[in-house]
N, C-alpha and C. Protein backbone atom coordinates (compact mmCIF):
# COMPACT_ATOMS: atom_id res chain seq x y z
N LEU A 1 27.81 -9.37 -0.09
CA LEU A 1 28.50 -8.85 -1.25
C LEU A 1 29.95 -8.59 -0.86
N SER A 2 30.84 -9.19 -1.57
CA SER A 2 32.26 -8.92 -1.35
C SER A 2 32.77 -8.04 -2.49
N LEU A 3 33.99 -7.58 -2.34
CA LEU A 3 34.57 -6.78 -3.40
C LEU A 3 34.60 -7.52 -4.72
N HIS A 4 34.75 -8.84 -4.65
CA HIS A 4 34.86 -9.65 -5.87
C HIS A 4 33.51 -9.84 -6.56
N ASP A 5 32.41 -9.57 -5.85
CA ASP A 5 31.08 -9.75 -6.41
C ASP A 5 30.61 -8.56 -7.23
N ALA A 6 31.35 -7.48 -7.23
CA ALA A 6 30.91 -6.26 -7.90
C ALA A 6 30.99 -6.35 -9.43
N LEU A 7 31.92 -7.12 -9.98
CA LEU A 7 32.09 -7.17 -11.43
C LEU A 7 30.82 -7.59 -12.17
N PRO A 8 30.11 -8.66 -11.77
CA PRO A 8 28.87 -9.00 -12.48
C PRO A 8 27.81 -7.90 -12.39
N ILE A 9 27.82 -7.16 -11.30
CA ILE A 9 26.87 -6.06 -11.17
C ILE A 9 27.20 -4.97 -12.19
N TYR A 10 28.48 -4.65 -12.32
CA TYR A 10 28.88 -3.63 -13.29
C TYR A 10 28.63 -4.11 -14.72
N GLU A 11 28.88 -5.40 -14.98
CA GLU A 11 28.66 -5.95 -16.32
C GLU A 11 27.19 -5.87 -16.71
N ALA A 12 26.30 -5.88 -15.70
CA ALA A 12 24.86 -5.73 -15.94
C ALA A 12 24.47 -4.25 -16.03
N ASN A 13 25.47 -3.39 -16.08
CA ASN A 13 25.29 -1.94 -16.17
C ASN A 13 24.54 -1.37 -14.97
N LEU A 14 24.75 -1.97 -13.81
CA LEU A 14 24.20 -1.45 -12.57
C LEU A 14 25.34 -0.72 -11.86
N ARG A 15 25.49 0.56 -12.18
CA ARG A 15 26.62 1.34 -11.68
C ARG A 15 26.16 2.59 -10.91
N GLY A 16 24.91 2.57 -10.49
CA GLY A 16 24.38 3.70 -9.76
C GLY A 16 23.74 4.76 -10.65
N ASN A 17 23.55 4.44 -11.92
CA ASN A 17 22.95 5.39 -12.85
C ASN A 17 21.60 5.88 -12.31
N GLY A 18 21.42 7.18 -12.20
CA GLY A 18 20.15 7.74 -11.78
C GLY A 18 19.85 7.63 -10.29
N VAL A 19 20.82 7.21 -9.50
CA VAL A 19 20.62 7.04 -8.06
C VAL A 19 21.42 8.11 -7.31
N THR A 20 20.84 8.62 -6.24
CA THR A 20 21.53 9.56 -5.38
C THR A 20 21.74 8.92 -4.02
N ILE A 21 22.98 8.94 -3.54
CA ILE A 21 23.33 8.37 -2.24
C ILE A 21 23.67 9.51 -1.29
N ALA A 22 23.00 9.53 -0.13
CA ALA A 22 23.29 10.51 0.91
C ALA A 22 24.20 9.84 1.94
N VAL A 23 25.36 10.42 2.17
CA VAL A 23 26.30 9.92 3.17
C VAL A 23 26.14 10.77 4.43
N ILE A 24 25.85 10.13 5.55
CA ILE A 24 25.64 10.82 6.82
C ILE A 24 26.97 11.00 7.53
N ALA A 25 27.24 12.22 8.01
CA ALA A 25 28.50 12.48 8.72
C ALA A 25 28.31 13.55 9.78
N ASP A 26 29.23 13.56 10.73
CA ASP A 26 29.21 14.58 11.78
C ASP A 26 30.51 15.38 11.82
N SER A 27 31.29 15.25 10.77
CA SER A 27 32.54 16.02 10.67
C SER A 27 32.79 16.30 9.19
N ASN A 28 33.76 17.11 8.93
CA ASN A 28 34.12 17.44 7.56
C ASN A 28 34.90 16.28 6.95
N LEU A 29 35.09 16.32 5.65
CA LEU A 29 35.84 15.27 4.98
C LEU A 29 36.93 15.86 4.12
N ALA A 30 37.83 15.00 3.67
CA ALA A 30 38.97 15.42 2.86
C ALA A 30 38.64 15.20 1.39
N ILE A 31 38.09 16.22 0.73
CA ILE A 31 37.66 16.10 -0.66
C ILE A 31 38.82 15.72 -1.57
N GLU A 32 40.02 16.24 -1.28
CA GLU A 32 41.17 15.91 -2.12
C GLU A 32 41.51 14.42 -2.05
N ASP A 33 41.26 13.78 -0.91
CA ASP A 33 41.49 12.33 -0.80
C ASP A 33 40.49 11.55 -1.63
N ILE A 34 39.25 12.03 -1.71
CA ILE A 34 38.23 11.35 -2.52
C ILE A 34 38.58 11.47 -3.99
N VAL A 35 38.99 12.65 -4.42
CA VAL A 35 39.39 12.85 -5.82
C VAL A 35 40.59 11.96 -6.16
N SER A 36 41.58 11.91 -5.27
CA SER A 36 42.75 11.04 -5.49
C SER A 36 42.36 9.57 -5.53
N PHE A 37 41.47 9.16 -4.63
CA PHE A 37 41.00 7.77 -4.60
C PHE A 37 40.38 7.39 -5.94
N ARG A 38 39.52 8.25 -6.48
CA ARG A 38 38.87 7.95 -7.75
C ARG A 38 39.89 7.87 -8.89
N GLU A 39 40.87 8.77 -8.87
CA GLU A 39 41.92 8.75 -9.90
C GLU A 39 42.75 7.48 -9.80
N GLU A 40 43.19 7.15 -8.57
CA GLU A 40 44.07 5.98 -8.35
C GLU A 40 43.37 4.66 -8.70
N THR A 41 42.07 4.59 -8.50
CA THR A 41 41.34 3.34 -8.75
C THR A 41 40.73 3.29 -10.15
N GLY A 42 40.96 4.33 -10.96
CA GLY A 42 40.46 4.33 -12.33
C GLY A 42 38.97 4.63 -12.45
N LEU A 43 38.38 5.20 -11.41
CA LEU A 43 36.97 5.55 -11.47
C LEU A 43 36.80 6.86 -12.22
N PRO A 44 35.65 7.04 -12.88
CA PRO A 44 35.44 8.32 -13.58
C PRO A 44 35.33 9.47 -12.58
N ALA A 45 35.70 10.65 -13.03
CA ALA A 45 35.58 11.83 -12.18
C ALA A 45 34.11 12.04 -11.85
N ASN A 46 33.80 12.12 -10.58
CA ASN A 46 32.43 12.31 -10.12
C ASN A 46 32.49 12.82 -8.69
N PRO A 47 32.92 14.07 -8.50
CA PRO A 47 33.11 14.56 -7.14
C PRO A 47 31.80 14.62 -6.37
N PRO A 48 31.85 14.34 -5.08
CA PRO A 48 30.63 14.39 -4.28
C PRO A 48 30.19 15.84 -4.04
N GLU A 49 28.91 15.99 -3.80
CA GLU A 49 28.38 17.29 -3.40
C GLU A 49 28.41 17.34 -1.88
N LEU A 50 28.95 18.40 -1.32
CA LEU A 50 29.01 18.57 0.12
C LEU A 50 27.88 19.47 0.56
N ILE A 51 27.06 18.97 1.48
CA ILE A 51 25.94 19.74 2.01
C ILE A 51 26.26 20.05 3.47
N PHE A 52 26.54 21.31 3.75
CA PHE A 52 26.84 21.72 5.12
C PHE A 52 25.55 22.17 5.78
N ASN A 53 25.11 21.39 6.73
CA ASN A 53 23.91 21.72 7.50
C ASN A 53 24.36 22.53 8.71
N GLY A 54 24.45 23.83 8.53
CA GLY A 54 25.02 24.69 9.55
C GLY A 54 26.48 24.93 9.24
N PRO A 55 27.19 25.55 10.18
CA PRO A 55 28.62 25.80 9.94
C PRO A 55 29.37 24.48 9.75
N PRO A 56 30.32 24.45 8.82
CA PRO A 56 31.06 23.21 8.63
C PRO A 56 31.83 22.82 9.89
N ALA A 57 31.84 21.55 10.16
CA ALA A 57 32.58 21.05 11.32
C ALA A 57 34.06 21.34 11.13
N ALA A 58 34.72 21.75 12.18
CA ALA A 58 36.14 22.10 12.11
C ALA A 58 37.01 20.86 11.91
N VAL A 59 36.54 19.73 12.36
CA VAL A 59 37.33 18.50 12.31
C VAL A 59 37.17 17.84 10.94
N VAL A 60 38.29 17.45 10.34
CA VAL A 60 38.28 16.62 9.14
C VAL A 60 38.58 15.21 9.60
N ASP A 61 37.66 14.30 9.30
CA ASP A 61 37.76 12.93 9.81
C ASP A 61 37.84 11.94 8.66
N SER A 62 38.44 10.80 8.93
CA SER A 62 38.58 9.78 7.90
C SER A 62 37.27 9.04 7.63
N GLU A 63 36.38 8.95 8.61
CA GLU A 63 35.14 8.17 8.43
C GLU A 63 34.28 8.69 7.28
N PRO A 64 33.91 9.97 7.24
CA PRO A 64 33.12 10.41 6.09
C PRO A 64 33.89 10.39 4.78
N THR A 65 35.20 10.53 4.85
CA THR A 65 36.02 10.44 3.64
C THR A 65 35.95 9.03 3.07
N LEU A 66 36.11 8.03 3.94
CA LEU A 66 36.01 6.63 3.50
C LEU A 66 34.61 6.29 3.01
N ASP A 67 33.61 6.70 3.77
CA ASP A 67 32.22 6.39 3.39
C ASP A 67 31.87 6.99 2.02
N THR A 68 32.28 8.22 1.81
CA THR A 68 31.98 8.88 0.54
C THR A 68 32.77 8.25 -0.59
N SER A 69 34.04 7.92 -0.34
CA SER A 69 34.87 7.28 -1.37
C SER A 69 34.29 5.94 -1.80
N TRP A 70 33.96 5.09 -0.84
CA TRP A 70 33.49 3.75 -1.16
C TRP A 70 32.06 3.73 -1.69
N SER A 71 31.23 4.67 -1.29
CA SER A 71 29.89 4.77 -1.89
C SER A 71 30.04 5.05 -3.38
N GLY A 72 30.97 5.95 -3.70
CA GLY A 72 31.23 6.27 -5.10
C GLY A 72 31.94 5.16 -5.86
N ALA A 73 32.67 4.31 -5.15
CA ALA A 73 33.35 3.19 -5.81
C ALA A 73 32.37 2.07 -6.15
N ILE A 74 31.47 1.78 -5.23
CA ILE A 74 30.49 0.71 -5.47
C ILE A 74 29.45 1.15 -6.50
N ALA A 75 29.10 2.42 -6.48
CA ALA A 75 28.14 2.98 -7.44
C ALA A 75 28.80 4.17 -8.14
N PRO A 76 29.73 3.90 -9.07
CA PRO A 76 30.56 4.97 -9.63
C PRO A 76 29.81 6.03 -10.42
N GLU A 77 28.60 5.73 -10.86
CA GLU A 77 27.84 6.73 -11.63
C GLU A 77 26.73 7.37 -10.80
N ALA A 78 26.65 7.02 -9.52
CA ALA A 78 25.64 7.62 -8.66
C ALA A 78 26.04 9.04 -8.29
N ARG A 79 25.07 9.83 -7.97
CA ARG A 79 25.31 11.16 -7.42
C ARG A 79 25.51 10.97 -5.91
N ILE A 80 26.65 11.41 -5.40
CA ILE A 80 26.97 11.25 -3.99
C ILE A 80 26.84 12.61 -3.32
N ARG A 81 26.04 12.65 -2.24
CA ARG A 81 25.82 13.89 -1.50
C ARG A 81 26.15 13.64 -0.04
N ALA A 82 27.21 14.23 0.45
CA ALA A 82 27.62 14.07 1.85
C ALA A 82 26.96 15.15 2.68
N VAL A 83 26.19 14.73 3.69
CA VAL A 83 25.50 15.66 4.58
C VAL A 83 26.36 15.79 5.84
N LEU A 84 26.88 16.99 6.07
CA LEU A 84 27.84 17.22 7.13
C LEU A 84 27.25 18.20 8.15
N SER A 85 27.07 17.74 9.38
CA SER A 85 26.51 18.58 10.45
C SER A 85 27.35 18.45 11.70
N GLY A 86 27.59 19.56 12.33
CA GLY A 86 28.21 19.55 13.64
C GLY A 86 27.13 19.50 14.70
N PRO A 87 27.50 19.28 15.95
CA PRO A 87 26.50 19.25 17.02
C PRO A 87 25.92 20.64 17.27
N ALA A 88 24.70 20.66 17.75
CA ALA A 88 24.05 21.92 18.12
C ALA A 88 23.15 21.66 19.32
N GLY A 89 23.36 22.40 20.37
CA GLY A 89 22.57 22.19 21.58
C GLY A 89 22.78 20.78 22.11
N THR A 90 21.70 20.06 22.30
CA THR A 90 21.80 18.67 22.79
C THR A 90 21.77 17.65 21.66
N SER A 91 21.71 18.12 20.41
CA SER A 91 21.66 17.20 19.27
C SER A 91 23.05 16.91 18.75
N THR A 92 23.29 15.65 18.41
CA THR A 92 24.58 15.28 17.82
C THR A 92 24.58 15.67 16.34
N GLY A 93 25.78 15.79 15.79
CA GLY A 93 25.90 16.06 14.36
C GLY A 93 25.28 14.96 13.52
N LEU A 94 25.39 13.71 13.96
CA LEU A 94 24.80 12.61 13.21
C LEU A 94 23.28 12.73 13.18
N ASP A 95 22.69 13.01 14.34
CA ASP A 95 21.23 13.16 14.39
C ASP A 95 20.77 14.29 13.47
N LEU A 96 21.51 15.40 13.46
CA LEU A 96 21.14 16.53 12.61
C LEU A 96 21.32 16.21 11.14
N SER A 97 22.37 15.47 10.79
CA SER A 97 22.57 15.08 9.39
C SER A 97 21.47 14.13 8.93
N GLU A 98 21.10 13.18 9.79
CA GLU A 98 20.01 12.26 9.45
C GLU A 98 18.72 13.03 9.19
N LEU A 99 18.38 13.92 10.12
CA LEU A 99 17.14 14.68 10.00
C LEU A 99 17.15 15.54 8.74
N TYR A 100 18.25 16.19 8.45
CA TYR A 100 18.36 17.02 7.25
C TYR A 100 18.18 16.16 5.99
N ALA A 101 18.85 15.01 5.94
CA ALA A 101 18.78 14.15 4.76
C ALA A 101 17.35 13.69 4.48
N VAL A 102 16.62 13.34 5.53
CA VAL A 102 15.24 12.87 5.35
C VAL A 102 14.31 14.04 5.05
N ASP A 103 14.39 15.10 5.84
CA ASP A 103 13.50 16.25 5.64
C ASP A 103 13.65 16.86 4.25
N ASN A 104 14.84 16.77 3.68
CA ASN A 104 15.11 17.39 2.38
C ASN A 104 15.24 16.38 1.24
N ASN A 105 14.87 15.12 1.49
CA ASN A 105 14.95 14.08 0.45
C ASN A 105 16.28 14.13 -0.29
N VAL A 106 17.36 14.11 0.46
CA VAL A 106 18.70 14.30 -0.11
C VAL A 106 19.11 13.13 -1.01
N GLY A 107 18.65 11.92 -0.74
CA GLY A 107 19.07 10.79 -1.56
C GLY A 107 18.03 9.69 -1.61
N ASP A 108 18.19 8.83 -2.61
CA ASP A 108 17.36 7.62 -2.70
C ASP A 108 17.84 6.60 -1.67
N VAL A 109 19.13 6.65 -1.40
CA VAL A 109 19.77 5.75 -0.45
C VAL A 109 20.49 6.61 0.59
N ILE A 110 20.35 6.24 1.85
CA ILE A 110 21.10 6.87 2.93
C ILE A 110 22.09 5.84 3.44
N THR A 111 23.35 6.22 3.57
CA THR A 111 24.34 5.31 4.13
C THR A 111 25.00 5.96 5.34
N GLU A 112 25.18 5.15 6.37
CA GLU A 112 25.73 5.64 7.63
C GLU A 112 26.57 4.54 8.27
N SER A 113 27.82 4.86 8.59
CA SER A 113 28.69 3.83 9.15
C SER A 113 29.05 4.06 10.61
N TYR A 114 28.43 5.04 11.21
CA TYR A 114 28.72 5.33 12.62
C TYR A 114 27.95 4.38 13.52
N SER A 115 28.44 4.26 14.75
CA SER A 115 27.85 3.30 15.68
C SER A 115 27.48 3.97 17.00
N ALA A 116 26.48 3.42 17.64
CA ALA A 116 26.09 3.83 18.99
C ALA A 116 25.61 2.58 19.70
N CYS A 117 26.22 2.26 20.81
CA CYS A 117 25.83 1.09 21.58
C CYS A 117 24.36 1.23 21.99
N GLU A 118 23.51 0.33 21.53
CA GLU A 118 22.07 0.46 21.75
C GLU A 118 21.68 0.62 23.22
N PRO A 119 22.25 -0.16 24.16
CA PRO A 119 21.87 0.05 25.56
C PRO A 119 22.26 1.41 26.12
N ASP A 120 23.19 2.11 25.47
CA ASP A 120 23.59 3.43 25.94
C ASP A 120 22.66 4.54 25.46
N LEU A 121 21.78 4.23 24.52
CA LEU A 121 20.85 5.23 24.01
C LEU A 121 19.62 5.30 24.93
N SER A 122 19.19 6.49 25.25
CA SER A 122 17.98 6.63 26.06
C SER A 122 16.77 6.14 25.26
N ALA A 123 15.70 5.86 25.95
CA ALA A 123 14.47 5.44 25.28
C ALA A 123 13.99 6.53 24.31
N ALA A 124 14.11 7.79 24.73
CA ALA A 124 13.70 8.89 23.86
C ALA A 124 14.56 8.97 22.60
N HIS A 125 15.88 8.75 22.74
CA HIS A 125 16.77 8.80 21.58
C HIS A 125 16.48 7.63 20.65
N GLN A 126 16.25 6.45 21.20
CA GLN A 126 15.90 5.30 20.37
C GLN A 126 14.60 5.55 19.60
N GLN A 127 13.63 6.16 20.26
CA GLN A 127 12.37 6.48 19.61
C GLN A 127 12.57 7.50 18.49
N GLN A 128 13.43 8.49 18.74
CA GLN A 128 13.75 9.50 17.72
C GLN A 128 14.39 8.84 16.50
N LEU A 129 15.38 7.96 16.74
CA LEU A 129 16.06 7.28 15.64
C LEU A 129 15.08 6.43 14.85
N SER A 130 14.21 5.73 15.54
CA SER A 130 13.22 4.88 14.87
C SER A 130 12.27 5.72 14.02
N ALA A 131 11.82 6.84 14.55
CA ALA A 131 10.86 7.68 13.83
C ALA A 131 11.46 8.25 12.55
N ILE A 132 12.71 8.70 12.59
CA ILE A 132 13.31 9.28 11.39
C ILE A 132 13.56 8.20 10.33
N ARG A 133 13.88 6.99 10.76
CA ARG A 133 14.07 5.89 9.82
C ARG A 133 12.75 5.45 9.21
N GLU A 134 11.71 5.43 10.02
CA GLU A 134 10.38 5.09 9.50
C GLU A 134 9.93 6.13 8.48
N GLN A 135 10.19 7.41 8.76
CA GLN A 135 9.83 8.48 7.82
C GLN A 135 10.59 8.31 6.51
N ALA A 136 11.88 7.99 6.60
CA ALA A 136 12.67 7.77 5.39
C ALA A 136 12.07 6.64 4.55
N ALA A 137 11.69 5.54 5.19
CA ALA A 137 11.09 4.42 4.47
C ALA A 137 9.77 4.84 3.82
N ALA A 138 8.96 5.62 4.53
CA ALA A 138 7.69 6.09 3.99
C ALA A 138 7.90 6.96 2.75
N GLN A 139 9.04 7.65 2.70
CA GLN A 139 9.38 8.50 1.55
C GLN A 139 10.06 7.71 0.43
N GLY A 140 10.27 6.41 0.63
CA GLY A 140 10.88 5.58 -0.40
C GLY A 140 12.40 5.55 -0.37
N MET A 141 12.97 6.01 0.73
CA MET A 141 14.42 6.01 0.87
C MET A 141 14.88 4.69 1.47
N THR A 142 16.00 4.17 0.99
CA THR A 142 16.61 2.96 1.54
C THR A 142 17.72 3.39 2.48
N TRP A 143 17.68 2.91 3.73
CA TRP A 143 18.67 3.29 4.74
C TRP A 143 19.58 2.10 4.98
N ILE A 144 20.88 2.31 4.79
CA ILE A 144 21.88 1.28 5.03
C ILE A 144 22.79 1.77 6.14
N ALA A 145 22.97 0.95 7.17
CA ALA A 145 23.82 1.34 8.29
C ALA A 145 24.75 0.19 8.65
N ALA A 146 25.88 0.53 9.19
CA ALA A 146 26.86 -0.47 9.60
C ALA A 146 26.37 -1.24 10.80
N ALA A 147 26.40 -2.56 10.69
CA ALA A 147 26.07 -3.40 11.84
C ALA A 147 27.22 -3.36 12.85
N GLY A 148 28.40 -3.09 12.35
CA GLY A 148 29.58 -2.99 13.20
C GLY A 148 30.51 -4.16 13.01
N ASP A 149 31.73 -3.96 13.42
CA ASP A 149 32.75 -4.99 13.26
C ASP A 149 32.62 -6.12 14.27
N ASN A 150 31.89 -5.88 15.36
CA ASN A 150 31.81 -6.87 16.43
C ASN A 150 30.50 -7.63 16.46
N GLY A 151 29.70 -7.53 15.42
CA GLY A 151 28.46 -8.29 15.34
C GLY A 151 27.55 -8.07 16.52
N ALA A 152 27.15 -9.15 17.17
CA ALA A 152 26.22 -9.08 18.30
C ALA A 152 26.83 -8.44 19.53
N TYR A 153 28.12 -8.20 19.50
CA TYR A 153 28.78 -7.57 20.64
C TYR A 153 29.23 -6.16 20.25
N GLY A 154 28.27 -5.37 19.80
CA GLY A 154 28.52 -4.03 19.29
C GLY A 154 29.00 -3.03 20.30
N CYS A 155 28.96 -3.37 21.58
CA CYS A 155 29.42 -2.43 22.61
C CYS A 155 30.88 -2.65 22.98
N ILE A 156 31.49 -3.68 22.43
CA ILE A 156 32.90 -3.94 22.70
C ILE A 156 33.73 -3.07 21.76
N PRO A 157 34.64 -2.28 22.29
CA PRO A 157 35.48 -1.47 21.40
C PRO A 157 36.25 -2.37 20.43
N PHE A 158 36.31 -1.93 19.16
CA PHE A 158 36.98 -2.74 18.15
C PHE A 158 38.46 -2.84 18.41
N HIS A 159 39.09 -1.74 18.72
CA HIS A 159 40.51 -1.72 19.07
C HIS A 159 40.63 -1.47 20.56
N THR A 160 41.58 -2.07 21.19
CA THR A 160 41.71 -1.89 22.64
C THR A 160 41.98 -0.43 23.01
N GLU A 161 42.63 0.33 22.12
CA GLU A 161 42.88 1.74 22.44
C GLU A 161 41.64 2.60 22.20
N ASN A 162 40.63 2.05 21.53
CA ASN A 162 39.39 2.77 21.26
C ASN A 162 38.38 2.48 22.36
N THR A 163 38.56 3.07 23.48
CA THR A 163 37.65 2.83 24.60
C THR A 163 36.65 3.96 24.70
N PHE A 164 35.46 3.70 24.24
CA PHE A 164 34.41 4.70 24.33
C PHE A 164 33.56 4.38 25.56
N PRO A 165 32.97 5.40 26.15
CA PRO A 165 32.19 5.15 27.36
C PRO A 165 30.94 4.33 27.06
N THR A 166 30.70 3.34 27.85
CA THR A 166 29.51 2.51 27.69
C THR A 166 29.04 2.06 29.05
N THR A 167 27.74 1.95 29.19
CA THR A 167 27.17 1.43 30.43
C THR A 167 26.87 -0.04 30.30
N ALA A 168 26.97 -0.58 29.09
CA ALA A 168 26.64 -1.99 28.86
C ALA A 168 27.81 -2.88 29.23
N PRO A 169 27.52 -4.04 29.84
CA PRO A 169 28.61 -5.00 30.08
C PRO A 169 29.22 -5.42 28.75
N THR A 170 30.54 -5.50 28.69
CA THR A 170 31.19 -5.80 27.42
C THR A 170 30.94 -7.22 26.94
N ASP A 171 30.47 -8.11 27.83
CA ASP A 171 30.18 -9.46 27.37
C ASP A 171 28.70 -9.66 27.07
N MET A 172 27.91 -8.59 27.12
CA MET A 172 26.48 -8.67 26.84
C MET A 172 26.22 -8.41 25.35
N PRO A 173 25.49 -9.28 24.68
CA PRO A 173 25.16 -9.00 23.28
C PRO A 173 24.39 -7.69 23.17
N ALA A 174 24.81 -6.86 22.26
CA ALA A 174 24.15 -5.59 21.99
C ALA A 174 24.56 -5.12 20.60
N VAL A 175 23.68 -4.43 19.94
CA VAL A 175 23.92 -4.04 18.56
C VAL A 175 24.09 -2.53 18.43
N ASN A 176 24.42 -2.12 17.23
CA ASN A 176 24.49 -0.70 16.91
C ASN A 176 23.08 -0.14 16.91
N GLY A 177 22.81 0.78 17.81
CA GLY A 177 21.48 1.37 17.90
C GLY A 177 21.09 2.16 16.66
N ARG A 178 22.04 2.59 15.86
CA ARG A 178 21.74 3.31 14.62
C ARG A 178 21.38 2.35 13.49
N ALA A 179 21.59 1.05 13.71
CA ALA A 179 21.30 0.06 12.68
C ALA A 179 20.19 -0.91 13.09
N SER A 180 19.62 -0.73 14.28
CA SER A 180 18.70 -1.75 14.81
C SER A 180 17.24 -1.57 14.43
N SER A 181 16.92 -0.54 13.70
CA SER A 181 15.53 -0.30 13.30
C SER A 181 15.10 -1.28 12.21
N PRO A 182 13.83 -1.69 12.23
CA PRO A 182 13.34 -2.55 11.14
C PRO A 182 13.29 -1.81 9.79
N TYR A 183 13.52 -0.50 9.80
CA TYR A 183 13.51 0.29 8.58
C TYR A 183 14.92 0.50 8.02
N VAL A 184 15.89 -0.23 8.56
CA VAL A 184 17.28 -0.10 8.16
C VAL A 184 17.81 -1.45 7.69
N VAL A 185 18.60 -1.43 6.63
CA VAL A 185 19.35 -2.61 6.22
C VAL A 185 20.70 -2.51 6.90
N ALA A 186 20.93 -3.38 7.88
CA ALA A 186 22.20 -3.36 8.61
C ALA A 186 23.17 -4.29 7.91
N VAL A 187 24.32 -3.76 7.55
CA VAL A 187 25.36 -4.55 6.90
C VAL A 187 26.61 -4.47 7.75
N GLY A 188 27.35 -5.55 7.81
CA GLY A 188 28.49 -5.54 8.71
C GLY A 188 29.71 -6.23 8.15
N GLY A 189 30.74 -6.16 8.95
CA GLY A 189 32.00 -6.76 8.55
C GLY A 189 32.77 -5.84 7.65
N THR A 190 33.52 -4.94 8.20
CA THR A 190 34.26 -4.00 7.36
C THR A 190 35.72 -4.41 7.20
N GLN A 191 36.04 -5.64 7.58
CA GLN A 191 37.40 -6.15 7.36
C GLN A 191 37.36 -7.16 6.23
N PHE A 192 38.34 -7.07 5.34
CA PHE A 192 38.39 -8.02 4.22
C PHE A 192 39.56 -8.96 4.40
């Protein structure tokens, strides 16, 4: 689906009516940017609901702002609920947001654009991710996750200045561990 393919979907009145989308995040977002985005693009006013799972993260990041904005752009009449969790103990904010969204049936669709190099995830973490995705599917939730900008080479940093720690050889094919479950629809290519 490209940006140009959305018009026939809207003409068929498929605009997210009656659907709730849960956006997974590990930081806060800029609500004023989402409101401005909807105004600038001519979308109807439909502010997202922010669900703070624990104290709100101190960091405001562009990733959840973009994810929430574009979820609302593709499905302008959907109810958008951003689940925002900071880290606690040994759990990441993303893991806590995922768990909260599934345990509380936050949305019909879960969308997540964050990445984790699959070989860098422990066997226990991979099992945890798989179990929560399987539970979401059993509850009738559709999980959509970013395959990543680098396709089969998901451990290669996208930008040279974005060097995240990885144990995987950069020339070894590897995928986003958050998108590799059979219970997830992995979509990729975020450059147009």
